Amino acid sequence: MPVQISDLSMDDKLKEQIRAKLKNQHRRTMRRVEQLTEDTAPVAPDCAIGRVSRMDAINNKSVNEAALSNARDKLRDIEESLARIDTPDFGKCKSCATPISTDRLMAMPESLYCMKCVKK
């Protein structure tokens, strides 16, 4: 059974581990957003890459735009988690207010819901 965070307060050591993980994810996600932003630049019609290659580039651009949208959403979730990590509600399920398991927070520190509520 996963370890539960105390209802009273999150252990400071655990909170610092989660904060470090969030900051690391933030840096990686920022780099991903920057790269995907470059990858989603318009494909010039006069680009001499050939018709089929140009169609592939346009298709890849669409895939990269979807990935960019997901990366921006993740970045927003990470930033919101960093902003609320020192609040009493951090680590508690947004739906049922029970503590989110430590395993879940370590895997996905931006989690807002416990596994029980995610499965609903």
C-alpha atoms as a PDB file:
ATOM      1  CA  MET A   1       0.000   0.000   0.000  1.00  0.00           C
ATOM      2  CA  PRO A   2       1.405   3.455  -0.905  1.00  0.00           C
ATOM      3  CA  VAL A   3       2.599   5.687   1.881  1.00  0.00           C
ATOM      4  CA  GLN A   4       0.148   8.495   2.651  1.00  0.00           C
ATOM      5  CA  ILE A   5       1.146  12.031   3.478  1.00  0.00           C
ATOM      6  CA  SER A   6       0.105  13.056   6.946  1.00  0.00           C
ATOM      7  CA  ASP A   7      -3.139  15.033   7.146  1.00  0.00           C
ATOM      8  CA  LEU A   8      -1.371  17.572   9.370  1.00  0.00           C
ATOM      9  CA  SER A   9       1.489  18.616   7.113  1.00  0.00           C
ATOM     10  CA  MET A  10       3.871  17.299   4.546  1.00  0.00           C
ATOM     11  CA  ASP A  11       7.306  16.328   5.807  1.00  0.00           C
ATOM     12  CA  ASP A  12       9.797  19.107   4.944  1.00  0.00           C
ATOM     13  CA  LYS A  13      12.267  16.653   3.429  1.00  0.00           C
ATOM     14  CA  LEU A  14       9.591  15.201   1.161  1.00  0.00           C
ATOM     15  CA  LYS A  15       8.419  18.681   0.212  1.00  0.00           C
ATOM     16  CA  GLU A  16      11.972  19.661  -0.782  1.00  0.00           C
ATOM     17  CA  GLN A  17      12.318  16.482  -2.861  1.00  0.00           C
ATOM     18  CA  ILE A  18       9.063  17.294  -4.634  1.00  0.00           C
ATOM     19  CA  ARG A  19      10.120  20.946  -5.106  1.00  0.00           C
ATOM     20  CA  ALA A  20      13.434  19.811  -6.648  1.00  0.00           C
ATOM     21  CA  LYS A  21      11.608  17.394  -8.928  1.00  0.00           C
ATOM     22  CA  LEU A  22       9.176  20.134 -10.000  1.00  0.00           C
ATOM     23  CA  LYS A  23      12.036  22.538 -10.739  1.00  0.00           C
ATOM     24  CA  ASN A  24      13.830  19.885 -12.772  1.00  0.00           C
ATOM     25  CA  GLN A  25      10.653  19.120 -14.717  1.00  0.00           C
ATOM     26  CA  HIS A  26      10.140  22.859 -15.228  1.00  0.00           C
ATOM     27  CA  ARG A  27      13.600  23.246 -16.782  1.00  0.00           C
ATOM     28  CA  ARG A  28      13.121  20.214 -19.045  1.00  0.00           C
ATOM     29  CA  THR A  29       9.641  21.289 -20.097  1.00  0.00           C
ATOM     30  CA  MET A  30      10.809  24.848 -20.841  1.00  0.00           C
ATOM     31  CA  ARG A  31      13.510  23.432 -23.136  1.00  0.00           C
ATOM     32  CA  ARG A  32      10.904  21.201 -24.799  1.00  0.00           C
ATOM     33  CA  VAL A  33       8.561  24.157 -25.342  1.00  0.00           C
ATOM     34  CA  GLU A  34      11.412  26.162 -26.882  1.00  0.00           C
ATOM     35  CA  GLN A  35      12.376  23.297 -29.210  1.00  0.00           C
ATOM     36  CA  LEU A  36       8.784  22.604 -30.230  1.00  0.00           C
ATOM     37  CA  THR A  37       8.224  26.310 -30.858  1.00  0.00           C
ATOM     38  CA  GLU A  38      11.100  26.206 -33.341  1.00  0.00           C
ATOM     39  CA  ASP A  39       9.779  22.970 -34.853  1.00  0.00           C
ATOM     40  CA  THR A  40       6.334  24.491 -35.425  1.00  0.00           C
ATOM     41  CA  ALA A  41       7.611  27.419 -37.454  1.00  0.00           C
ATOM     42  CA  PRO A  42       5.745  27.817 -40.754  1.00  0.00           C
ATOM     43  CA  VAL A  43       6.941  25.659 -43.620  1.00  0.00           C
ATOM     44  CA  ALA A  44       7.844  28.053 -46.417  1.00  0.00           C
ATOM     45  CA  PRO A  45       6.110  27.255 -49.747  1.00  0.00           C
ATOM     46  CA  ASP A  46       9.254  28.081 -51.675  1.00  0.00           C
ATOM     47  CA  CYS A  47      11.384  25.714 -49.601  1.00  0.00           C
ATOM     48  CA  ALA A  48      13.260  23.467 -52.018  1.00  0.00           C
ATOM     49  CA  ILE A  49      12.725  20.222 -50.134  1.00  0.00           C
ATOM     50  CA  GLY A  50      10.447  18.551 -52.671  1.00  0.00           C
ATOM     51  CA  ARG A  51       6.691  18.064 -52.695  1.00  0.00           C
ATOM     52  CA  VAL A  52       6.591  14.832 -50.660  1.00  0.00           C
ATOM     53  CA  SER A  53       9.150  16.092 -48.162  1.00  0.00           C
ATOM     54  CA  ARG A  54       7.192  19.344 -47.820  1.00  0.00           C
ATOM     55  CA  MET A  55       4.008  17.357 -47.109  1.00  0.00           C
ATOM     56  CA  ASP A  56       5.911  15.395 -44.455  1.00  0.00           C
ATOM     57  CA  ALA A  57       7.164  18.658 -42.960  1.00  0.00           C
ATOM     58  CA  ILE A  58       3.597  20.025 -42.823  1.00  0.00           C
ATOM     59  CA  ASN A  59       2.362  16.796 -41.215  1.00  0.00           C
ATOM     60  CA  ASN A  60       5.223  16.855 -38.684  1.00  0.00           C
ATOM     61  CA  LYS A  61       4.380  20.473 -37.931  1.00  0.00           C
ATOM     62  CA  SER A  62       0.834  19.428 -36.969  1.00  0.00           C
ATOM     63  CA  VAL A  63       2.162  16.694 -34.679  1.00  0.00           C
ATOM     64  CA  ASN A  64       4.627  19.146 -33.123  1.00  0.00           C
ATOM     65  CA  GLU A  65       1.853  21.722 -32.589  1.00  0.00           C
ATOM     66  CA  ALA A  66      -0.130  19.158 -30.583  1.00  0.00           C
ATOM     67  CA  ALA A  67       2.998  18.255 -28.590  1.00  0.00           C
ATOM     68  CA  LEU A  68       3.654  21.974 -27.996  1.00  0.00           C
ATOM     69  CA  SER A  69       0.136  22.457 -26.657  1.00  0.00           C
ATOM     70  CA  ASN A  70       0.606  19.486 -24.284  1.00  0.00           C
ATOM     71  CA  ALA A  71       4.021  20.774 -23.158  1.00  0.00           C
ATOM     72  CA  ARG A  72       2.568  24.229 -22.436  1.00  0.00           C
ATOM     73  CA  ASP A  73      -0.237  22.637 -20.396  1.00  0.00           C
ATOM     74  CA  LYS A  74       2.309  20.600 -18.425  1.00  0.00           C
ATOM     75  CA  LEU A  75       4.431  23.705 -17.865  1.00  0.00           C
ATOM     76  CA  ARG A  76       1.376  25.564 -16.521  1.00  0.00           C
ATOM     77  CA  ASP A  77       0.569  22.639 -14.172  1.00  0.00           C
ATOM     78  CA  ILE A  78       4.167  22.555 -12.911  1.00  0.00           C
ATOM     79  CA  GLU A  79       4.208  26.320 -12.313  1.00  0.00           C
ATOM     80  CA  GLU A  80       0.898  26.118 -10.441  1.00  0.00           C
ATOM     81  CA  SER A  81       2.271  23.281  -8.290  1.00  0.00           C
ATOM     82  CA  LEU A  82       5.409  25.277  -7.488  1.00  0.00           C
ATOM     83  CA  ALA A  83       3.220  28.236  -6.506  1.00  0.00           C
ATOM     84  CA  ARG A  84       1.114  26.167  -4.105  1.00  0.00           C
ATOM     85  CA  ILE A  85       3.711  23.765  -2.700  1.00  0.00           C
ATOM     86  CA  ASP A  86       3.932  25.760   0.546  1.00  0.00           C
ATOM     87  CA  THR A  87       0.171  25.874   1.060  1.00  0.00           C
ATOM     88  CA  PRO A  88      -1.561  23.484   3.484  1.00  0.00           C
ATOM     89  CA  ASP A  89      -3.608  21.933   0.665  1.00  0.00           C
ATOM     90  CA  PHE A  90      -0.602  20.818  -1.381  1.00  0.00           C
ATOM     91  CA  GLY A  91      -0.566  17.019  -1.529  1.00  0.00           C
ATOM     92  CA  LYS A  92      -4.281  16.736  -0.860  1.00  0.00           C
ATOM     93  CA  CYS A  93      -6.739  15.598  -3.500  1.00  0.00           C
ATOM     94  CA  LYS A  94      -8.620  18.501  -5.059  1.00  0.00           C
ATOM     95  CA  SER A  95     -11.764  16.372  -5.239  1.00  0.00           C
ATOM     96  CA  CYS A  96     -11.967  14.436  -1.964  1.00  0.00           C
ATOM     97  CA  ALA A  97      -9.318  16.271   0.148  1.00  0.00           C
ATOM     98  CA  THR A  98      -7.590  13.030   1.170  1.00  0.00           C
ATOM     99  CA  PRO A  99      -3.795  12.922   1.027  1.00  0.00           C
ATOM    100  CA  ILE A 100      -2.309  11.940  -2.347  1.00  0.00           C
ATOM    101  CA  SER A 101       0.105   9.028  -2.018  1.00  0.00           C
ATOM    102  CA  THR A 102       3.794   9.883  -1.797  1.00  0.00           C
ATOM    103  CA  ASP A 103       4.480   7.484  -4.662  1.00  0.00           C
ATOM    104  CA  ARG A 104       2.068   9.394  -6.896  1.00  0.00           C
ATOM    105  CA  LEU A 105       3.492  12.786  -5.899  1.00  0.00           C
ATOM    106  CA  MET A 106       7.030  11.590  -6.556  1.00  0.00           C
ATOM    107  CA  ALA A 107       6.015  10.236  -9.981  1.00  0.00           C
ATOM    108  CA  MET A 108       3.814  13.208 -10.894  1.00  0.00           C
ATOM    109  CA  PRO A 109       4.420  16.070  -8.469  1.00  0.00           C
ATOM    110  CA  GLU A 110       1.901  18.238 -10.307  1.00  0.00           C
ATOM    111  CA  SER A 111      -0.906  15.767  -9.443  1.00  0.00           C
ATOM    112  CA  LEU A 112      -4.069  17.345  -8.128  1.00  0.00           C
ATOM    113  CA  TYR A 113      -6.052  14.151  -7.571  1.00  0.00           C
ATOM    114  CA  CYS A 114      -5.576  10.888  -5.687  1.00  0.00           C
ATOM    115  CA  MET A 115      -5.723   7.643  -7.659  1.00  0.00           C
ATOM    116  CA  LYS A 116      -9.212   6.864  -6.373  1.00  0.00           C
ATOM    117  CA  CYS A 117     -10.591  10.093  -7.835  1.00  0.00           C
ATOM    118  CA  VAL A 118      -8.568   9.771 -11.060  1.00  0.00           C
ATOM    119  CA  LYS A 119     -10.153   6.365 -11.675  1.00  0.00           C
ATOM    120  CA  LYS A 120     -13.718   7.730 -11.266  1.00  0.00           C
END
